[in-house]
Amino acid sequence: MATKISQPGHVIIISGPPGAGTTTIAKAVAKHFGMDFFSTGDIFRKVAKERNLQVAKLSGIAEQEVDWEVDNKCKLVAQKGNVVIESDIAAWYVDGAIKIWLDAPLMVRAERVFKDIKRVAERYKNLAEVVKKIKERRDRDRDRYMQRYGYNVDDTSIYDYKIDTEFLGMREVINTVIGYVAKRLKTPK
């Protein structure tokens, strides 16, 4: 079980399934409030690369070691505060953070991923392949987090604010999140 931490500064955690817009929103919110941006997914890929491991092929002990290293880096960043964290599981172990969940139906998320030209590492032949890969990744991650930490990532009750992004444009989601965070931090938008 991961150790919970408390932090001296503000921490915002943004999470959601693949294609919900977490990276785009988290970066925009960090920029708006002059906060740092930290993505556990980015760090996971970086650590795996440093160890000459392919993320898709990580399994067993190597994956577990990388998970722990990423979690420890995330905890250190959270302790410093003034950061927006994009993470699947930080909401479970960072106390006092503003926790936001973004979601959209699977087909909407798959279409977004398929159309995202910035996803150089993930190219897909068709929408059906994207749907399959998103489901596989979510199932694999769900099982991993439950086995390793006892976290049920399908339980969104730990989040303070949940947004269905299906019918919202990126700017609308960004403004909604900024408005919510500003209210929570009692700062002007």
Foldseek 3Di string as FASTA:
>chain_A
DDAADEADAAEAEEEEAAQLCRVVLQVLLLVVQVAAEEELVVQLCVVCVVVVHDPVPDDDPRSVVSVVVSVVVVRVSVRHYRYYYYDLPVLPRYPPYQYEYGYEDLLNSLVSVQPPPVPPVDHDPDSVVSSVVSVVVVVVVQVCCCVPPVDRSVPPPSHPYYYYCRPPDPVRVSVVVNVVVCVVVVHDD
